[in-house]
Amino acid sequence: MPKKVLVGVVMNDKASKTRRVEIARLERHPKYKKIIRKKTVCHVHDENNESAVGDVVEFEESSPLSHLKRWKLVRIVEKSRAVDLAALRAARRQGGTEQQDTLAKLSDGE
C-alpha cells in the first residue's frame, strides 16, 4: 500500500527537527449547513531543519518516530514571503541611531 502524501503549512518550528504542520479545510455542518473552518495538525520530522513558519511543505507518512511524529518532510513546495516586522523595526532603530550618532559627531566637529 502506498504512503500518503499531504501538503500543509508550517505553523510552528520551535522544536528541533520537528514541525507542526496544519492542513486547513472547509466543511459544511450537517444540520445547519454553515461552512466551518477545520484543520488537521500533523507533527512532521524535518531532519535538516530546512522549513520555517509559513512555508508550504509536502510530507509523507512514516513509521512512528516519537510520541506524536508520524510524518517525514519530503520537500518544501513554497517558502514563506512573510517579513518579520519586529526584526525589521529593530534594524531600522539601530540604523537610525547610527545615523544620528554620525550626524552628532559631524555637527560637533564643525
C-alpha atoms as a PDB file:
ATOM      1  CA  MET A   1       0.000   0.000   0.000  1.00  0.00           C
ATOM      2  CA  PRO A   2       1.492   3.390  -0.990  1.00  0.00           C
ATOM      3  CA  LYS A   3       2.295   6.009   1.616  1.00  0.00           C
ATOM      4  CA  LYS A   4       0.006   9.019   1.962  1.00  0.00           C
ATOM      5  CA  VAL A   5       1.486  12.301   0.759  1.00  0.00           C
ATOM      6  CA  LEU A   6      -0.058  15.539   2.082  1.00  0.00           C
ATOM      7  CA  VAL A   7       0.571  19.268   1.701  1.00  0.00           C
ATOM      8  CA  GLY A   8       0.220  21.781   4.537  1.00  0.00           C
ATOM      9  CA  VAL A   9       1.544  24.987   6.076  1.00  0.00           C
ATOM     10  CA  VAL A  10       4.196  25.019   8.815  1.00  0.00           C
ATOM     11  CA  MET A  11       2.698  26.764  11.856  1.00  0.00           C
ATOM     12  CA  ASN A  12       5.412  26.105  14.451  1.00  0.00           C
ATOM     13  CA  ASP A  13       9.141  25.418  14.179  1.00  0.00           C
ATOM     14  CA  LYS A  14      10.255  25.871  17.795  1.00  0.00           C
ATOM     15  CA  ALA A  15      11.282  22.250  18.390  1.00  0.00           C
ATOM     16  CA  SER A  16      14.457  20.947  16.782  1.00  0.00           C
ATOM     17  CA  LYS A  17      13.797  18.676  13.780  1.00  0.00           C
ATOM     18  CA  THR A  18      10.025  18.832  14.350  1.00  0.00           C
ATOM     19  CA  ARG A  19       7.481  20.982  12.530  1.00  0.00           C
ATOM     20  CA  ARG A  20       3.814  21.439  13.395  1.00  0.00           C
ATOM     21  CA  VAL A  21       2.005  21.442  10.049  1.00  0.00           C
ATOM     22  CA  GLU A  22      -1.657  22.333   9.615  1.00  0.00           C
ATOM     23  CA  ILE A  23      -3.927  21.242   6.790  1.00  0.00           C
ATOM     24  CA  ALA A  24      -6.897  23.619   6.577  1.00  0.00           C
ATOM     25  CA  ARG A  25     -10.235  22.585   5.107  1.00  0.00           C
ATOM     26  CA  LEU A  26     -13.834  23.734   4.926  1.00  0.00           C
ATOM     27  CA  GLU A  27     -16.724  21.507   5.986  1.00  0.00           C
ATOM     28  CA  ARG A  28     -20.464  22.015   5.893  1.00  0.00           C
ATOM     29  CA  HIS A  29     -22.293  21.487   9.177  1.00  0.00           C
ATOM     30  CA  PRO A  30     -24.670  18.527   8.714  1.00  0.00           C
ATOM     31  CA  LYS A  31     -27.682  20.170  10.369  1.00  0.00           C
ATOM     32  CA  TYR A  32     -27.236  23.924   9.980  1.00  0.00           C
ATOM     33  CA  LYS A  33     -25.446  23.836   6.610  1.00  0.00           C
ATOM     34  CA  LYS A  34     -22.994  26.540   7.700  1.00  0.00           C
ATOM     35  CA  ILE A  35     -19.464  26.338   6.294  1.00  0.00           C
ATOM     36  CA  ILE A  36     -16.986  25.709   9.135  1.00  0.00           C
ATOM     37  CA  ARG A  37     -13.194  26.026   9.033  1.00  0.00           C
ATOM     38  CA  LYS A  38     -11.416  22.973  10.387  1.00  0.00           C
ATOM     39  CA  LYS A  39      -7.790  21.907  10.496  1.00  0.00           C
ATOM     40  CA  THR A  40      -5.729  18.776  10.854  1.00  0.00           C
ATOM     41  CA  VAL A  41      -2.457  19.029  12.755  1.00  0.00           C
ATOM     42  CA  CYS A  42       0.477  16.778  11.845  1.00  0.00           C
ATOM     43  CA  HIS A  43       3.871  16.697  13.532  1.00  0.00           C
ATOM     44  CA  VAL A  44       6.461  16.313  10.775  1.00  0.00           C
ATOM     45  CA  HIS A  45      10.105  15.218  11.077  1.00  0.00           C
ATOM     46  CA  ASP A  46      12.447  17.733   9.395  1.00  0.00           C
ATOM     47  CA  GLU A  47      15.921  16.192   9.652  1.00  0.00           C
ATOM     48  CA  ASN A  48      17.884  19.264   8.460  1.00  0.00           C
ATOM     49  CA  ASN A  49      15.656  21.991   9.949  1.00  0.00           C
ATOM     50  CA  GLU A  50      15.043  23.315   6.422  1.00  0.00           C
ATOM     51  CA  SER A  51      11.495  24.618   6.795  1.00  0.00           C
ATOM     52  CA  ALA A  52      10.274  27.659   8.707  1.00  0.00           C
ATOM     53  CA  VAL A  53       6.953  29.123   9.829  1.00  0.00           C
ATOM     54  CA  GLY A  54       4.698  29.923   6.880  1.00  0.00           C
ATOM     55  CA  ASP A  55       6.331  27.526   4.411  1.00  0.00           C
ATOM     56  CA  VAL A  56       4.114  25.226   2.366  1.00  0.00           C
ATOM     57  CA  VAL A  57       5.549  21.705   2.660  1.00  0.00           C
ATOM     58  CA  GLU A  58       4.875  18.252   1.279  1.00  0.00           C
ATOM     59  CA  PHE A  59       5.209  15.329   3.680  1.00  0.00           C
ATOM     60  CA  GLU A  60       4.564  11.602   3.732  1.00  0.00           C
ATOM     61  CA  GLU A  61       3.557   9.129   6.383  1.00  0.00           C
ATOM     62  CA  SER A  62       6.206   7.012   8.084  1.00  0.00           C
ATOM     63  CA  SER A  63       6.612   4.633  10.961  1.00  0.00           C
ATOM     64  CA  PRO A  64       6.318   6.282  14.389  1.00  0.00           C
ATOM     65  CA  LEU A  65       9.360   8.459  15.133  1.00  0.00           C
ATOM     66  CA  SER A  66       8.253   9.684  18.562  1.00  0.00           C
ATOM     67  CA  HIS A  67       5.123  10.094  20.674  1.00  0.00           C
ATOM     68  CA  LEU A  68       3.470  12.430  18.133  1.00  0.00           C
ATOM     69  CA  LYS A  69       5.596  12.311  14.961  1.00  0.00           C
ATOM     70  CA  ARG A  70       4.234  10.028  12.250  1.00  0.00           C
ATOM     71  CA  TRP A  71       5.256  12.039   9.162  1.00  0.00           C
ATOM     72  CA  LYS A  72       8.504  12.888   7.322  1.00  0.00           C
ATOM     73  CA  LEU A  73       9.222  16.004   5.278  1.00  0.00           C
ATOM     74  CA  VAL A  74       9.533  15.318   1.541  1.00  0.00           C
ATOM     75  CA  ARG A  75      10.125  18.814   0.167  1.00  0.00           C
ATOM     76  CA  ILE A  76       9.363  22.481   0.607  1.00  0.00           C
ATOM     77  CA  VAL A  77       6.783  23.471  -2.000  1.00  0.00           C
ATOM     78  CA  GLU A  78       6.912  27.227  -1.367  1.00  0.00           C
ATOM     79  CA  LYS A  79       8.974  29.359   1.012  1.00  0.00           C
ATOM     80  CA  SER A  80       7.188  31.923   3.161  1.00  0.00           C
ATOM     81  CA  ARG A  81       7.219  35.531   1.977  1.00  0.00           C
ATOM     82  CA  ALA A  82       6.254  36.932   5.377  1.00  0.00           C
ATOM     83  CA  VAL A  83       8.510  39.605   6.812  1.00  0.00           C
ATOM     84  CA  ASP A  84       9.463  39.620  10.488  1.00  0.00           C
ATOM     85  CA  LEU A  85       8.228  43.100  11.385  1.00  0.00           C
ATOM     86  CA  ALA A  86       9.841  43.119  14.824  1.00  0.00           C
ATOM     87  CA  ALA A  87      13.279  42.381  13.355  1.00  0.00           C
ATOM     88  CA  LEU A  88      12.745  44.980  10.641  1.00  0.00           C
ATOM     89  CA  ARG A  89      11.815  47.656  13.186  1.00  0.00           C
ATOM     90  CA  ALA A  90      14.806  46.762  15.376  1.00  0.00           C
ATOM     91  CA  ALA A  91      17.133  47.034  12.393  1.00  0.00           C
ATOM     92  CA  ARG A  92      15.672  50.418  11.494  1.00  0.00           C
ATOM     93  CA  ARG A  93      16.106  51.624  15.077  1.00  0.00           C
ATOM     94  CA  GLN A  94      19.745  50.542  15.135  1.00  0.00           C
ATOM     95  CA  GLY A  95      20.363  52.057  11.729  1.00  0.00           C
ATOM     96  CA  GLY A  96      18.629  55.252  12.814  1.00  0.00           C
ATOM     97  CA  THR A  97      20.755  55.642  15.952  1.00  0.00           C
ATOM     98  CA  GLU A  98      23.964  55.116  13.963  1.00  0.00           C
ATOM     99  CA  GLN A  99      22.915  57.830  11.545  1.00  0.00           C
ATOM    100  CA  GLN A 100      22.050  60.159  14.421  1.00  0.00           C
ATOM    101  CA  ASP A 101      25.438  59.482  16.059  1.00  0.00           C
ATOM    102  CA  THR A 102      27.236  60.262  12.803  1.00  0.00           C
ATOM    103  CA  LEU A 103      25.282  63.499  12.392  1.00  0.00           C
ATOM    104  CA  ALA A 104      26.014  64.486  16.009  1.00  0.00           C
ATOM    105  CA  LYS A 105      29.750  63.927  15.516  1.00  0.00           C
ATOM    106  CA  LEU A 106      29.747  65.991  12.312  1.00  0.00           C
ATOM    107  CA  SER A 107      27.848  68.851  13.943  1.00  0.00           C
ATOM    108  CA  ASP A 108      30.215  68.833  16.980  1.00  0.00           C
ATOM    109  CA  GLY A 109      33.299  68.931  14.724  1.00  0.00           C
ATOM    110  CA  GLU A 110      32.122  71.935  12.728  1.00  0.00           C
END
